[in-house]
Amino acid sequence: FESALKMDTHIFARIRTQILSLAGPGVLVATVLTAIFTKYVFVAYEWDWPTCLMFGAILSATDPVAVVALLKELGVSERLGTLIEGESLLNDGTAIVIFDVFFEALEKRPCSPSM
């Protein structure tokens, strides 16, 4: 929340395409890769794909608080800090949407006789 309030909106507007290209596809790829890993490594849980994708969405959102603090301490350009903070903000929103999509898929699916 603090990074959203203190972010320089002019820099954010100039690099928004870079931020969007990192946030949207990045979270989606991380979600799918985590789901594939979960499905085939944790076989004992017998999770279906929507559950694995929900789990992947939870784990794919990154929070670079320590990285941003280190960048500020080192005096790195404000543009790079804004890129990382903006990508982090949009990562969270993208992960929530992905989680909700697969949560709804789990709730709306028909019941199977084995349940």
Foldseek 3Di string as FASTA:
>chain_A
DVCVVPADVVLCVVCVVVLVVCQQVVLVVQLVVQLVCCVPVVVVVVDDSLVSSLVSLVPSQDDPPVVLVVCVVVVPDSSVSNSVSSSNVSNNVNSVVSNVVSVVVVVPDDDDPVD
